[in-house]
Amino acid sequence: MPQGFKNVPATFQRAMQLILSDLLEKACLVYIDDILVYGDTMEQHDENLNKVLERLNEYNLEENKEKRVERVENIRFLGYEISYNSVKPSIKRAQGIMSYKSPTTRKELQRFIGMINYDRHFVKGLSELLAPLYRLLSKEMKFVWSQKEEDIFNTIKNQWKRDLELFIPDMKGKFTLETDASDIGLGACLRQNGKPVAYLSRTLSGAERNYGITEREVLASLWAMEKLQYHLIGKKFKLVTDHKAIEFIKTKIEFGSARIQRWFYRFEKFDFDVEYRKGCEMITADALSRSLYDSNTPNAVYIRNVIPKIKLLNIIYYLIIERR
């Protein structure tokens, strides 16, 4: 296949999916010319590997044997370190982000945002942290890099100094959902046995910023539950909040305003107990809701360009869950 044409990656990906169609998500995953073969046991792994190699040979496709890695419990794939129970960005990617120089042009900033957006679901409140920088990409605004932008830029880069790791949960185990709301945003953290499974955050819309504190706290809980319903529906879990009034959300239909009463029925599909904790003990969820850089615009700023690699990573994530 000739190189350099814009449609080459998509065409090759489509061809590989057709060639391996009956093996995908059963024995392997494929992203262009990278193939990930897996199995629950060593015997199953070897059997699946042979099936893939036979299929490639059938279509006259040659593998680069020097790049083959097999029979391992941890592997680097699409810029991530993947094991049976966790996923995290590779060290090489983290080093590249931490060494990135301050942007001097709109294009350099765009490149930086693209780099870190790839790992956004590992970093607490990343899309909100990016909001002020994202506005600089608008051609209607003059590109001015002040100390404020530099501080935000360094704050974001420093996130990669930590061990960014999400743990793949046991779907039969118990979950704890921590939620919190501030004047400008919502935050949540899903945990199992104290380990982070997912981080969520978003800014409040203009209308939502007019809600009372109880309404915002209830909204944070409802929004997080619905976002994480794949993990939570059909299981009993614990909701942890620093707003004492939410303790009554399951017992009083007359609880709160008319708006909260309308939300009440959306909670009914979830089975949970409420635990109150003081705000000083709710470090993660509180930080997620408060680490948002406020915007003068009434609507939240989101980064929505979900790229195919992220979708494939999600498939890997859920395949590991379902095969347990």
Foldseek 3Di string as FASTA:
>chain_A
DDPDDPCVQVVQVVVVCVLCVVCDLPAWHDRRQDIGGDDPDPVSSVVSVVVVVVSCVVVPHDDDVVPDDDDDQWDQDPQWIDGLWKIFGDPVLLVVLLPQDDDPDLVSLVVSCVSCVLVVFLFQQVFLLCVVVVVLNDPVDDNDCDVVNVVSSNVSSVRSVDGRMATQDQLVAAKEKEWAADLWKIWIFIDGPRGTHTTDMWTAFLVRSPDDRVVRRLVNVLVVCVVVVVSFFPDEYEYEYQDVLCQCLQPDCVRDDPVSNVCSVSCVRGHYHYDHDHPVVRPRRVCSNPVGDDDPHRGIGGDDPDDPVNVVVVSVSVSSNVVD
